[in-house]
Amino acid sequence: MSPLPTQMVNRWQNRKEPGPGQGTVYWHILVGDHPEVRELAQAAQERLADFRGLHMTPAEWLHITVLVAGPDDEITDDRQLEMLAAASSILADIPPVTITLGRVFYHPEAIALIAHPADALAKVREAVQEVTHKVTGRGESSKQSNSWSPHVTIAYSEAEQPAQPLISALGRELPSREVTLSAVSLVVQRGKERLWDWHPVGQARLVGG
């Protein structure tokens, strides 16, 4: 397991975020419609409810971020649809992916549930990397190696405080849940992250058998 942080920090203190009317295009796997994920996240958030300085992820927008594609003033509506069509063509050959959630990951800026095994989603990430790179020229191609740890963030830190009380309250393992993922969504996030002003453009489904 990764080392535990000793201190939580304010995620947004020095983070540049889109202003009013500005948006960022993301590839997300939206998992808020899976009852088992919502229940697991709710149980974790209830254990953390007495702590100040935490911003909880709304159940509707529980997600695994696969790729930050870029600003929507550069990735136009037409390009977004082109990316979605290309991703749908590639991902149609990839079968749905089953992951397990339960292990808790602590970062100074957030608390999350690790998606295991990480490499189960590798082909999905490679596909959206390739599509985004081809259509926009932005981001990395799948041939560029990088580390990625898929996770579902349940709470973001918006204050400085010791991490240990949070770790003691929640622990490092929750009852595990298996989830089968069958789609990746292209989502435009408008304005600041904490506003959760999300606009799904569409889904690329994992169909292959």
N, C-alpha and C. Protein backbone atom coordinates (compact mmCIF):
# COMPACT_ATOMS: atom_id res chain seq x y z
N MET A 1 0.84 -1.19 0.00
CA MET A 1 0.00 0.00 0.00
C MET A 1 0.88 1.25 0.00
N SER A 2 0.33 2.33 -0.55
CA SER A 2 1.08 3.57 -0.64
C SER A 2 1.22 4.22 0.73
N PRO A 3 2.26 5.04 0.91
CA PRO A 3 2.44 5.72 2.20
C PRO A 3 1.25 6.62 2.52
N LEU A 4 0.91 6.73 3.78
CA LEU A 4 -0.20 7.57 4.19
C LEU A 4 0.26 9.01 4.37
N PRO A 5 -0.54 9.98 3.97
CA PRO A 5 -0.17 11.38 4.21
C PRO A 5 -0.31 11.70 5.69
N THR A 6 0.46 12.65 6.17
CA THR A 6 0.33 13.10 7.55
C THR A 6 -0.57 14.32 7.67
N GLN A 7 -0.73 15.02 6.55
CA GLN A 7 -1.49 16.28 6.58
C GLN A 7 -2.37 16.38 5.33
N MET A 8 -3.60 16.80 5.54
CA MET A 8 -4.47 17.13 4.43
C MET A 8 -4.30 18.61 4.09
N VAL A 9 -4.48 18.94 2.82
CA VAL A 9 -4.31 20.33 2.38
C VAL A 9 -5.54 20.77 1.59
N ASN A 10 -5.63 22.06 1.33
CA ASN A 10 -6.73 22.61 0.54
C ASN A 10 -6.46 22.37 -0.94
N ARG A 11 -7.23 21.49 -1.56
CA ARG A 11 -7.03 21.14 -2.96
C ARG A 11 -7.08 22.36 -3.88
N TRP A 12 -7.92 23.31 -3.55
CA TRP A 12 -8.16 24.41 -4.47
C TRP A 12 -7.41 25.70 -4.12
N GLN A 13 -6.55 25.64 -3.13
CA GLN A 13 -5.88 26.86 -2.70
C GLN A 13 -5.05 27.49 -3.81
N ASN A 14 -4.31 26.66 -4.55
CA ASN A 14 -3.44 27.18 -5.61
C ASN A 14 -3.76 26.56 -6.97
N ARG A 15 -4.95 25.98 -7.10
CA ARG A 15 -5.32 25.30 -8.35
C ARG A 15 -6.04 26.27 -9.28
N LYS A 16 -5.56 26.34 -10.51
CA LYS A 16 -6.22 27.16 -11.51
C LYS A 16 -7.44 26.42 -12.04
N GLU A 17 -8.59 27.07 -12.00
CA GLU A 17 -9.83 26.45 -12.44
C GLU A 17 -10.50 27.30 -13.52
N PRO A 18 -11.36 26.67 -14.32
CA PRO A 18 -12.09 27.44 -15.33
C PRO A 18 -12.95 28.52 -14.67
N GLY A 19 -13.09 29.65 -15.34
CA GLY A 19 -13.95 30.71 -14.85
C GLY A 19 -15.38 30.51 -15.32
N PRO A 20 -16.28 31.44 -14.97
CA PRO A 20 -17.68 31.34 -15.41
C PRO A 20 -17.76 31.24 -16.93
N GLY A 21 -18.52 30.28 -17.41
CA GLY A 21 -18.68 30.11 -18.85
C GLY A 21 -17.60 29.28 -19.51
N GLN A 22 -16.51 29.04 -18.80
CA GLN A 22 -15.44 28.22 -19.35
C GLN A 22 -15.66 26.76 -18.94
N GLY A 23 -15.18 25.85 -19.79
CA GLY A 23 -15.38 24.45 -19.49
C GLY A 23 -14.16 23.62 -19.80
N THR A 24 -14.14 22.42 -19.23
CA THR A 24 -13.08 21.44 -19.47
C THR A 24 -13.73 20.15 -19.92
N VAL A 25 -13.14 19.53 -20.95
CA VAL A 25 -13.68 18.28 -21.49
C VAL A 25 -12.96 17.10 -20.86
N TYR A 26 -13.72 16.15 -20.34
CA TYR A 26 -13.17 14.98 -19.66
C TYR A 26 -13.73 13.70 -20.28
N TRP A 27 -12.93 12.65 -20.21
CA TRP A 27 -13.44 11.30 -20.37
C TRP A 27 -13.59 10.72 -18.97
N HIS A 28 -14.82 10.42 -18.58
CA HIS A 28 -15.12 9.85 -17.27
C HIS A 28 -15.87 8.53 -17.43
N ILE A 29 -15.64 7.61 -16.52
CA ILE A 29 -16.54 6.47 -16.35
C ILE A 29 -17.46 6.85 -15.20
N LEU A 30 -18.71 7.12 -15.52
CA LEU A 30 -19.68 7.53 -14.50
C LEU A 30 -20.23 6.29 -13.80
N VAL A 31 -20.11 6.26 -12.48
CA VAL A 31 -20.51 5.07 -11.72
C VAL A 31 -21.61 5.35 -10.71
N GLY A 32 -22.15 6.56 -10.75
CA GLY A 32 -23.19 6.91 -9.79
C GLY A 32 -24.50 6.17 -9.98
N ASP A 33 -24.67 5.53 -11.16
CA ASP A 33 -25.90 4.77 -11.38
C ASP A 33 -25.77 3.31 -10.96
N HIS A 34 -24.61 2.96 -10.38
CA HIS A 34 -24.43 1.62 -9.82
C HIS A 34 -24.79 1.65 -8.33
N PRO A 35 -25.86 0.97 -7.91
CA PRO A 35 -26.27 1.03 -6.50
C PRO A 35 -25.17 0.63 -5.54
N GLU A 36 -24.36 -0.38 -5.90
CA GLU A 36 -23.31 -0.83 -5.00
C GLU A 36 -22.24 0.23 -4.79
N VAL A 37 -21.98 1.04 -5.81
CA VAL A 37 -20.99 2.12 -5.66
C VAL A 37 -21.56 3.24 -4.81
N ARG A 38 -22.81 3.60 -5.06
CA ARG A 38 -23.45 4.65 -4.26
C ARG A 38 -23.49 4.27 -2.79
N GLU A 39 -23.83 3.01 -2.50
CA GLU A 39 -23.91 2.56 -1.11
C GLU A 39 -22.55 2.58 -0.44
N LEU A 40 -21.52 2.16 -1.18
CA LEU A 40 -20.17 2.15 -0.61
C LEU A 40 -19.69 3.57 -0.35
N ALA A 41 -19.92 4.46 -1.31
CA ALA A 41 -19.52 5.86 -1.13
C ALA A 41 -20.29 6.51 0.01
N GLN A 42 -21.57 6.23 0.11
CA GLN A 42 -22.38 6.80 1.19
C GLN A 42 -21.89 6.34 2.55
N ALA A 43 -21.57 5.06 2.65
CA ALA A 43 -21.08 4.53 3.93
C ALA A 43 -19.78 5.22 4.33
N ALA A 44 -18.89 5.42 3.36
CA ALA A 44 -17.62 6.10 3.65
C ALA A 44 -17.85 7.55 4.03
N GLN A 45 -18.72 8.22 3.29
CA GLN A 45 -18.97 9.64 3.56
C GLN A 45 -19.64 9.84 4.92
N GLU A 46 -20.47 8.90 5.32
CA GLU A 46 -21.10 9.00 6.65
C GLU A 46 -20.08 8.89 7.76
N ARG A 47 -19.06 8.06 7.57
CA ARG A 47 -17.99 7.95 8.58
C ARG A 47 -17.18 9.24 8.68
N LEU A 48 -17.17 10.01 7.60
CA LEU A 48 -16.37 11.24 7.56
C LEU A 48 -17.21 12.50 7.80
N ALA A 49 -18.50 12.31 8.03
CA ALA A 49 -19.42 13.44 8.05
C ALA A 49 -19.13 14.44 9.18
N ASP A 50 -18.53 13.98 10.26
CA ASP A 50 -18.29 14.87 11.40
C ASP A 50 -17.04 15.73 11.22
N PHE A 51 -16.28 15.48 10.17
CA PHE A 51 -15.06 16.26 9.95
C PHE A 51 -15.37 17.48 9.08
N ARG A 52 -14.86 18.61 9.49
CA ARG A 52 -14.97 19.82 8.67
C ARG A 52 -13.87 19.81 7.61
N GLY A 53 -14.04 20.61 6.59
CA GLY A 53 -12.99 20.74 5.60
C GLY A 53 -12.96 19.66 4.55
N LEU A 54 -14.07 18.93 4.39
CA LEU A 54 -14.18 17.93 3.34
C LEU A 54 -15.35 18.28 2.43
N HIS A 55 -15.12 18.16 1.14
CA HIS A 55 -16.17 18.38 0.15
C HIS A 55 -16.51 17.03 -0.46
N MET A 56 -17.72 16.54 -0.23
CA MET A 56 -18.10 15.20 -0.66
C MET A 56 -18.54 15.19 -2.12
N THR A 57 -18.14 14.16 -2.83
CA THR A 57 -18.60 13.98 -4.21
C THR A 57 -20.08 13.64 -4.21
N PRO A 58 -20.91 14.36 -4.98
CA PRO A 58 -22.33 14.00 -5.06
C PRO A 58 -22.50 12.60 -5.65
N ALA A 59 -23.48 11.87 -5.13
CA ALA A 59 -23.70 10.49 -5.60
C ALA A 59 -23.89 10.43 -7.11
N GLU A 60 -24.59 11.42 -7.66
CA GLU A 60 -24.88 11.43 -9.10
C GLU A 60 -23.61 11.45 -9.95
N TRP A 61 -22.55 12.08 -9.42
CA TRP A 61 -21.34 12.29 -10.22
C TRP A 61 -20.15 11.49 -9.71
N LEU A 62 -20.38 10.42 -8.99
CA LEU A 62 -19.29 9.50 -8.68
C LEU A 62 -18.70 9.00 -10.00
N HIS A 63 -17.38 8.97 -10.08
CA HIS A 63 -16.78 8.73 -11.38
C HIS A 63 -15.35 8.24 -11.26
N ILE A 64 -14.86 7.66 -12.34
CA ILE A 64 -13.44 7.38 -12.54
C ILE A 64 -12.98 8.27 -13.69
N THR A 65 -12.06 9.17 -13.42
CA THR A 65 -11.53 10.01 -14.49
C THR A 65 -10.54 9.20 -15.31
N VAL A 66 -10.81 9.09 -16.61
CA VAL A 66 -9.94 8.35 -17.50
C VAL A 66 -8.93 9.28 -18.16
N LEU A 67 -9.38 10.48 -18.55
CA LEU A 67 -8.49 11.43 -19.23
C LEU A 67 -9.08 12.82 -19.20
N VAL A 68 -8.23 13.82 -18.94
CA VAL A 68 -8.60 15.22 -19.13
C VAL A 68 -8.26 15.57 -20.57
N ALA A 69 -9.27 15.81 -21.39
CA ALA A 69 -9.04 16.05 -22.81
C ALA A 69 -8.54 17.47 -23.08
N GLY A 70 -9.13 18.47 -22.41
CA GLY A 70 -8.68 19.84 -22.61
C GLY A 70 -9.83 20.83 -22.51
N PRO A 71 -9.55 22.13 -22.72
CA PRO A 71 -10.59 23.16 -22.59
C PRO A 71 -11.58 23.10 -23.74
N ASP A 72 -12.85 23.43 -23.44
CA ASP A 72 -13.87 23.31 -24.47
C ASP A 72 -13.84 24.43 -25.48
N ASP A 73 -13.07 25.49 -25.22
CA ASP A 73 -12.94 26.52 -26.26
C ASP A 73 -11.99 26.08 -27.36
N GLU A 74 -11.20 25.04 -27.10
CA GLU A 74 -10.34 24.46 -28.13
C GLU A 74 -10.94 23.18 -28.69
N ILE A 75 -11.63 22.42 -27.83
CA ILE A 75 -12.28 21.19 -28.27
C ILE A 75 -13.75 21.53 -28.51
N THR A 76 -14.05 21.95 -29.73
CA THR A 76 -15.38 22.43 -30.08
C THR A 76 -16.42 21.31 -30.02
N ASP A 77 -17.69 21.69 -30.14
CA ASP A 77 -18.76 20.69 -30.13
C ASP A 77 -18.56 19.66 -31.23
N ASP A 78 -18.16 20.12 -32.43
CA ASP A 78 -17.95 19.19 -33.54
C ASP A 78 -16.82 18.21 -33.22
N ARG A 79 -15.76 18.71 -32.62
CA ARG A 79 -14.64 17.84 -32.26
C ARG A 79 -15.05 16.85 -31.16
N GLN A 80 -15.86 17.31 -30.24
CA GLN A 80 -16.32 16.41 -29.19
C GLN A 80 -17.11 15.25 -29.79
N LEU A 81 -17.99 15.55 -30.74
CA LEU A 81 -18.77 14.49 -31.38
C LEU A 81 -17.89 13.57 -32.22
N GLU A 82 -16.86 14.15 -32.84
CA GLU A 82 -15.92 13.34 -33.61
C GLU A 82 -15.16 12.39 -32.68
N MET A 83 -14.72 12.89 -31.54
CA MET A 83 -14.03 12.06 -30.56
C MET A 83 -14.94 10.93 -30.07
N LEU A 84 -16.18 11.27 -29.80
CA LEU A 84 -17.12 10.29 -29.28
C LEU A 84 -17.38 9.19 -30.30
N ALA A 85 -17.54 9.58 -31.56
CA ALA A 85 -17.79 8.59 -32.61
C ALA A 85 -16.58 7.66 -32.78
N ALA A 86 -15.39 8.24 -32.77
CA ALA A 86 -14.17 7.44 -32.93
C ALA A 86 -13.98 6.49 -31.75
N ALA A 87 -14.22 6.99 -30.54
CA ALA A 87 -14.08 6.15 -29.34
C ALA A 87 -15.11 5.03 -29.35
N SER A 88 -16.33 5.33 -29.80
CA SER A 88 -17.37 4.30 -29.86
C SER A 88 -16.98 3.17 -30.79
N SER A 89 -16.33 3.53 -31.90
CA SER A 89 -15.90 2.51 -32.87
C SER A 89 -14.84 1.59 -32.27
N ILE A 90 -13.89 2.17 -31.55
CA ILE A 90 -12.81 1.37 -30.96
C ILE A 90 -13.31 0.54 -29.78
N LEU A 91 -14.06 1.18 -28.89
CA LEU A 91 -14.48 0.51 -27.66
C LEU A 91 -15.54 -0.55 -27.91
N ALA A 92 -16.19 -0.51 -29.05
CA ALA A 92 -17.19 -1.53 -29.36
C ALA A 92 -16.56 -2.92 -29.42
N ASP A 93 -15.24 -2.98 -29.63
CA ASP A 93 -14.54 -4.27 -29.69
C ASP A 93 -14.03 -4.73 -28.33
N ILE A 94 -14.17 -3.87 -27.31
CA ILE A 94 -13.67 -4.19 -25.98
C ILE A 94 -14.85 -4.60 -25.10
N PRO A 95 -14.75 -5.74 -24.41
CA PRO A 95 -15.87 -6.18 -23.56
C PRO A 95 -15.97 -5.34 -22.29
N PRO A 96 -17.14 -5.33 -21.65
CA PRO A 96 -17.28 -4.66 -20.35
C PRO A 96 -16.21 -5.15 -19.36
N VAL A 97 -15.84 -4.27 -18.46
CA VAL A 97 -14.74 -4.53 -17.53
C VAL A 97 -15.29 -4.63 -16.10
N THR A 98 -14.88 -5.65 -15.38
CA THR A 98 -15.29 -5.79 -13.98
C THR A 98 -14.14 -5.39 -13.06
N ILE A 99 -14.42 -4.48 -12.15
CA ILE A 99 -13.43 -4.03 -11.18
C ILE A 99 -13.97 -4.27 -9.77
N THR A 100 -13.07 -4.15 -8.79
CA THR A 100 -13.44 -4.24 -7.38
C THR A 100 -13.10 -2.92 -6.70
N LEU A 101 -14.03 -2.41 -5.91
CA LEU A 101 -13.81 -1.22 -5.09
C LEU A 101 -13.88 -1.61 -3.63
N GLY A 102 -13.04 -1.01 -2.82
CA GLY A 102 -13.05 -1.30 -1.38
C GLY A 102 -11.82 -0.76 -0.69
N ARG A 103 -10.68 -0.81 -1.38
CA ARG A 103 -9.45 -0.29 -0.79
C ARG A 103 -9.48 1.24 -0.79
N VAL A 104 -9.17 1.84 0.34
CA VAL A 104 -9.21 3.30 0.47
C VAL A 104 -7.82 3.88 0.21
N PHE A 105 -7.79 4.94 -0.60
CA PHE A 105 -6.54 5.64 -0.89
C PHE A 105 -6.62 7.04 -0.32
N TYR A 106 -5.58 7.42 0.41
CA TYR A 106 -5.50 8.75 1.01
C TYR A 106 -4.44 9.58 0.29
N HIS A 107 -4.86 10.73 -0.19
CA HIS A 107 -3.97 11.71 -0.82
C HIS A 107 -4.14 13.00 -0.02
N PRO A 108 -3.12 13.85 0.05
CA PRO A 108 -3.30 15.09 0.81
C PRO A 108 -4.49 15.94 0.35
N GLU A 109 -4.91 15.75 -0.92
CA GLU A 109 -6.01 16.55 -1.45
C GLU A 109 -7.34 15.81 -1.52
N ALA A 110 -7.34 14.50 -1.27
CA ALA A 110 -8.58 13.75 -1.48
C ALA A 110 -8.53 12.38 -0.83
N ILE A 111 -9.72 11.78 -0.71
CA ILE A 111 -9.86 10.41 -0.24
C ILE A 111 -10.65 9.65 -1.30
N ALA A 112 -10.14 8.48 -1.70
CA ALA A 112 -10.73 7.78 -2.83
C ALA A 112 -10.77 6.28 -2.60
N LEU A 113 -11.55 5.61 -3.44
CA LEU A 113 -11.61 4.16 -3.49
C LEU A 113 -10.85 3.70 -4.73
N ILE A 114 -9.87 2.83 -4.54
CA ILE A 114 -9.05 2.36 -5.65
C ILE A 114 -9.84 1.35 -6.48
N ALA A 115 -9.76 1.49 -7.80
CA ALA A 115 -10.35 0.51 -8.72
C ALA A 115 -9.30 -0.56 -9.01
N HIS A 116 -9.63 -1.79 -8.68
CA HIS A 116 -8.67 -2.90 -8.80
C HIS A 116 -9.27 -4.00 -9.67
N PRO A 117 -8.50 -4.60 -10.57
CA PRO A 117 -7.12 -4.28 -10.91
C PRO A 117 -7.03 -3.09 -11.87
N ALA A 118 -6.01 -2.28 -11.72
CA ALA A 118 -5.86 -1.07 -12.53
C ALA A 118 -5.72 -1.40 -14.00
N ASP A 119 -5.01 -2.48 -14.31
CA ASP A 119 -4.75 -2.77 -15.72
C ASP A 119 -5.99 -3.26 -16.46
N ALA A 120 -7.07 -3.55 -15.73
CA ALA A 120 -8.31 -3.95 -16.40
C ALA A 120 -8.85 -2.84 -17.29
N LEU A 121 -8.55 -1.59 -16.93
CA LEU A 121 -9.05 -0.44 -17.68
C LEU A 121 -8.01 0.15 -18.62
N ALA A 122 -6.86 -0.51 -18.75
CA ALA A 122 -5.77 0.05 -19.55
C ALA A 122 -6.16 0.25 -21.01
N LYS A 123 -6.86 -0.73 -21.59
CA LYS A 123 -7.24 -0.61 -23.00
C LYS A 123 -8.25 0.51 -23.22
N VAL A 124 -9.09 0.74 -22.23
CA VAL A 124 -10.06 1.83 -22.32
C VAL A 124 -9.34 3.17 -22.34
N ARG A 125 -8.38 3.32 -21.44
CA ARG A 125 -7.62 4.57 -21.40
C ARG A 125 -6.81 4.77 -22.67
N GLU A 126 -6.18 3.71 -23.15
CA GLU A 126 -5.41 3.81 -24.39
C GLU A 126 -6.29 4.27 -25.55
N ALA A 127 -7.51 3.75 -25.61
CA ALA A 127 -8.42 4.11 -26.70
C ALA A 127 -8.77 5.59 -26.67
N VAL A 128 -9.13 6.11 -25.50
CA VAL A 128 -9.52 7.53 -25.46
C VAL A 128 -8.30 8.44 -25.59
N GLN A 129 -7.13 7.99 -25.16
CA GLN A 129 -5.91 8.75 -25.41
C GLN A 129 -5.66 8.90 -26.90
N GLU A 130 -5.75 7.79 -27.62
CA GLU A 130 -5.50 7.79 -29.06
C GLU A 130 -6.50 8.68 -29.79
N VAL A 131 -7.76 8.54 -29.43
CA VAL A 131 -8.81 9.33 -30.08
C VAL A 131 -8.61 10.82 -29.82
N THR A 132 -8.36 11.17 -28.57
CA THR A 132 -8.18 12.57 -28.22
C THR A 132 -6.96 13.16 -28.92
N HIS A 133 -5.89 12.39 -28.96
CA HIS A 133 -4.66 12.86 -29.61
C HIS A 133 -4.87 13.03 -31.12
N LYS A 134 -5.59 12.10 -31.71
CA LYS A 134 -5.81 12.14 -33.16
C LYS A 134 -6.71 13.30 -33.56
N VAL A 135 -7.78 13.52 -32.82
CA VAL A 135 -8.76 14.54 -33.19
C VAL A 135 -8.31 15.94 -32.81
N THR A 136 -7.66 16.09 -31.66
CA THR A 136 -7.33 17.43 -31.15
C THR A 136 -5.86 17.78 -31.21
N GLY A 137 -5.01 16.75 -31.29
CA GLY A 137 -3.57 17.00 -31.20
C GLY A 137 -3.10 17.24 -29.79
N ARG A 138 -4.02 17.15 -28.85
CA ARG A 138 -3.69 17.39 -27.45
C ARG A 138 -3.46 16.08 -26.73
N GLY A 139 -2.79 16.16 -25.59
CA GLY A 139 -2.63 15.01 -24.72
C GLY A 139 -1.61 14.03 -25.23
N GLU A 140 -1.64 12.86 -24.63
CA GLU A 140 -0.65 11.84 -24.91
C GLU A 140 -1.24 10.76 -25.79
N SER A 141 -0.42 10.20 -26.65
CA SER A 141 -0.85 9.01 -27.36
C SER A 141 -0.63 7.82 -26.44
N SER A 142 -1.25 6.69 -26.78
CA SER A 142 -1.13 5.51 -25.92
C SER A 142 0.29 4.98 -25.89
N LYS A 143 1.12 5.38 -26.86
CA LYS A 143 2.50 4.90 -26.90
C LYS A 143 3.37 5.62 -25.88
N GLN A 144 2.86 6.72 -25.32
CA GLN A 144 3.60 7.45 -24.30
C GLN A 144 3.22 6.86 -22.94
N SER A 145 4.21 6.30 -22.28
CA SER A 145 3.93 5.64 -21.00
C SER A 145 3.69 6.66 -19.91
N ASN A 146 2.76 6.36 -19.04
CA ASN A 146 2.51 7.21 -17.88
C ASN A 146 1.81 6.36 -16.83
N SER A 147 1.92 6.79 -15.61
CA SER A 147 1.27 6.06 -14.53
C SER A 147 -0.15 6.56 -14.37
N TRP A 148 -1.05 5.66 -14.11
CA TRP A 148 -2.45 6.01 -13.91
C TRP A 148 -3.03 5.04 -12.91
N SER A 149 -3.67 5.57 -11.89
CA SER A 149 -4.28 4.74 -10.86
C SER A 149 -5.77 5.06 -10.83
N PRO A 150 -6.60 4.27 -11.52
CA PRO A 150 -8.03 4.57 -11.56
C PRO A 150 -8.66 4.50 -10.17
N HIS A 151 -9.53 5.46 -9.87
CA HIS A 151 -10.11 5.55 -8.53
C HIS A 151 -11.42 6.33 -8.58
N VAL A 152 -12.20 6.15 -7.54
CA VAL A 152 -13.44 6.91 -7.35
C VAL A 152 -13.24 7.80 -6.13
N THR A 153 -13.16 9.10 -6.35
CA THR A 153 -12.97 10.03 -5.23
C THR A 153 -14.28 10.21 -4.48
N ILE A 154 -14.23 10.03 -3.17
CA ILE A 154 -15.44 10.18 -2.36
C ILE A 154 -15.46 11.51 -1.61
N ALA A 155 -14.28 12.13 -1.39
CA ALA A 155 -14.22 13.40 -0.68
C ALA A 155 -12.95 14.15 -1.08
N TYR A 156 -13.08 15.45 -1.25
CA TYR A 156 -11.95 16.31 -1.54
C TYR A 156 -11.64 17.16 -0.30
N SER A 157 -10.38 17.40 -0.07
CA SER A 157 -9.98 18.22 1.07
C SER A 157 -10.01 19.70 0.68
N GLU A 158 -10.65 20.49 1.51
CA GLU A 158 -10.66 21.94 1.25
C GLU A 158 -10.15 22.72 2.47
N ALA A 159 -9.35 22.04 3.30
CA ALA A 159 -8.77 22.69 4.47
C ALA A 159 -7.53 21.92 4.91
N GLU A 160 -6.67 22.58 5.64
CA GLU A 160 -5.51 21.91 6.22
C GLU A 160 -5.92 21.30 7.56
N GLN A 161 -5.61 20.03 7.72
CA GLN A 161 -5.90 19.33 8.97
C GLN A 161 -5.08 18.05 9.01
N PRO A 162 -4.83 17.50 10.21
CA PRO A 162 -4.09 16.23 10.29
C PRO A 162 -4.87 15.12 9.59
N ALA A 163 -4.16 14.25 8.91
CA ALA A 163 -4.80 13.16 8.17
C ALA A 163 -5.19 11.99 9.08
N GLN A 164 -4.44 11.78 10.15
CA GLN A 164 -4.64 10.57 10.95
C GLN A 164 -6.06 10.39 11.50
N PRO A 165 -6.70 11.45 12.02
CA PRO A 165 -8.08 11.25 12.50
C PRO A 165 -9.04 10.76 11.40
N LEU A 166 -8.82 11.24 10.18
CA LEU A 166 -9.65 10.79 9.05
C LEU A 166 -9.38 9.32 8.75
N ILE A 167 -8.10 8.97 8.76
CA ILE A 167 -7.71 7.57 8.49
C ILE A 167 -8.27 6.64 9.56
N SER A 168 -8.21 7.09 10.81
CA SER A 168 -8.73 6.27 11.91
C SER A 168 -10.24 6.09 11.80
N ALA A 169 -10.94 7.12 11.34
CA ALA A 169 -12.40 7.05 11.24
C ALA A 169 -12.85 6.15 10.09
N LEU A 170 -12.13 6.17 8.98
CA LEU A 170 -12.57 5.44 7.79
C LEU A 170 -11.84 4.12 7.60
N GLY A 171 -10.57 4.07 8.00
CA GLY A 171 -9.78 2.86 7.79
C GLY A 171 -9.20 2.79 6.39
N ARG A 172 -8.61 1.64 6.07
CA ARG A 172 -7.96 1.48 4.77
C ARG A 172 -8.67 0.47 3.88
N GLU A 173 -9.63 -0.23 4.42
CA GLU A 173 -10.40 -1.19 3.62
C GLU A 173 -11.87 -1.09 4.00
N LEU A 174 -12.74 -1.09 3.00
CA LEU A 174 -14.18 -1.17 3.19
C LEU A 174 -14.66 -2.48 2.58
N PRO A 175 -15.87 -2.93 2.93
CA PRO A 175 -16.38 -4.15 2.30
C PRO A 175 -16.34 -4.03 0.78
N SER A 176 -15.67 -4.96 0.13
CA SER A 176 -15.44 -4.82 -1.31
C SER A 176 -16.72 -5.04 -2.12
N ARG A 177 -16.78 -4.34 -3.24
CA ARG A 177 -17.92 -4.46 -4.16
C ARG A 177 -17.38 -4.64 -5.58
N GLU A 178 -17.94 -5.59 -6.30
CA GLU A 178 -17.59 -5.76 -7.71
C GLU A 178 -18.55 -4.94 -8.56
N VAL A 179 -17.99 -4.29 -9.57
CA VAL A 179 -18.78 -3.44 -10.46
C VAL A 179 -18.37 -3.73 -11.90
N THR A 180 -19.34 -3.92 -12.76
CA THR A 180 -19.05 -4.12 -14.17
C THR A 180 -19.31 -2.81 -14.91
N LEU A 181 -18.29 -2.32 -15.60
CA LEU A 181 -18.33 -1.04 -16.30
C LEU A 181 -18.49 -1.27 -17.79
N SER A 182 -19.46 -0.61 -18.39
CA SER A 182 -19.77 -0.89 -19.79
C SER A 182 -19.80 0.35 -20.67
N ALA A 183 -19.36 1.50 -20.17
CA ALA A 183 -19.38 2.71 -20.98
C ALA A 183 -18.41 3.75 -20.44
N VAL A 184 -17.91 4.58 -21.34
CA VAL A 184 -17.10 5.74 -20.99
C VAL A 184 -17.84 6.97 -21.50
N SER A 185 -17.93 8.00 -20.67
CA SER A 185 -18.68 9.20 -21.04
C SER A 185 -17.75 10.37 -21.34
N LEU A 186 -18.12 11.14 -22.35
CA LEU A 186 -17.46 12.41 -22.61
C LEU A 186 -18.28 13.48 -21.90
N VAL A 187 -17.64 14.22 -21.01
CA VAL A 187 -18.36 15.16 -20.14
C VAL A 187 -17.69 16.53 -20.20
N VAL A 188 -18.48 17.58 -20.30
CA VAL A 188 -17.97 18.94 -20.20
C VAL A 188 -18.28 19.47 -18.80
N GLN A 189 -17.23 19.82 -18.08
CA GLN A 189 -17.38 20.40 -16.74
C GLN A 189 -17.25 21.91 -16.87
N ARG A 190 -18.30 22.63 -16.50
CA ARG A 190 -18.28 24.09 -16.64
C ARG A 190 -18.00 24.75 -15.29
N GLY A 191 -17.12 25.75 -15.33
CA GLY A 191 -16.82 26.50 -14.12
C GLY A 191 -15.97 25.72 -13.14
N LYS A 192 -16.02 26.13 -11.89
CA LYS A 192 -15.17 25.54 -10.86
C LYS A 192 -15.57 24.10 -10.56
N GLU A 193 -14.58 23.33 -10.16
CA GLU A 193 -14.76 21.91 -9.92
C GLU A 193 -15.87 21.63 -8.91
N ARG A 194 -15.91 22.40 -7.84
CA ARG A 194 -16.86 22.15 -6.75
C ARG A 194 -18.31 22.46 -7.10
N LEU A 195 -18.53 23.12 -8.23
CA LEU A 195 -19.90 23.44 -8.64
C LEU A 195 -20.62 22.23 -9.21
N TRP A 196 -19.88 21.24 -9.70
CA TRP A 196 -20.45 20.04 -10.30
C TRP A 196 -21.44 20.37 -11.41
N ASP A 197 -21.08 21.36 -12.21
CA ASP A 197 -21.91 21.74 -13.35
C ASP A 197 -21.46 20.92 -14.56
N TRP A 198 -21.90 19.69 -14.57
CA TRP A 198 -21.44 18.71 -15.57
C TRP A 198 -22.47 18.54 -16.67
N HIS A 199 -21.98 18.39 -17.89
CA HIS A 199 -22.84 18.23 -19.05
C HIS A 199 -22.34 17.05 -19.89
N PRO A 200 -22.89 15.85 -19.68
CA PRO A 200 -22.49 14.70 -20.49
C PRO A 200 -22.83 14.91 -21.96
N VAL A 201 -21.85 14.67 -22.82
CA VAL A 201 -22.04 14.81 -24.26
C VAL A 201 -22.59 13.51 -24.85
N GLY A 202 -22.09 12.39 -24.36
CA GLY A 202 -22.54 11.09 -24.83
C GLY A 202 -21.66 9.99 -24.29
N GLN A 203 -21.98 8.75 -24.64
CA GLN A 203 -21.25 7.58 -24.16
C GLN A 203 -20.64 6.80 -25.30
N ALA A 204 -19.49 6.21 -25.04
CA ALA A 204 -18.89 5.20 -25.91
C ALA A 204 -18.99 3.89 -25.14
N ARG A 205 -19.72 2.94 -25.69
CA ARG A 205 -20.01 1.71 -24.94
C ARG A 205 -19.00 0.61 -25.23
N LEU A 206 -18.75 -0.17 -24.18
CA LEU A 206 -17.91 -1.37 -24.29
C LEU A 206 -18.84 -2.54 -24.58
N VAL A 207 -18.70 -3.11 -25.78
CA VAL A 207 -19.69 -4.07 -26.25
C VAL A 207 -19.08 -5.46 -26.48
N GLY A 208 -17.82 -5.51 -26.90
CA GLY A 208 -17.23 -6.75 -27.37
C GLY A 208 -17.39 -7.90 -26.39
N GLY A 209 -17.57 -9.09 -26.95
CA GLY A 209 -17.81 -10.25 -26.10
C GLY A 209 -16.60 -11.10 -25.90
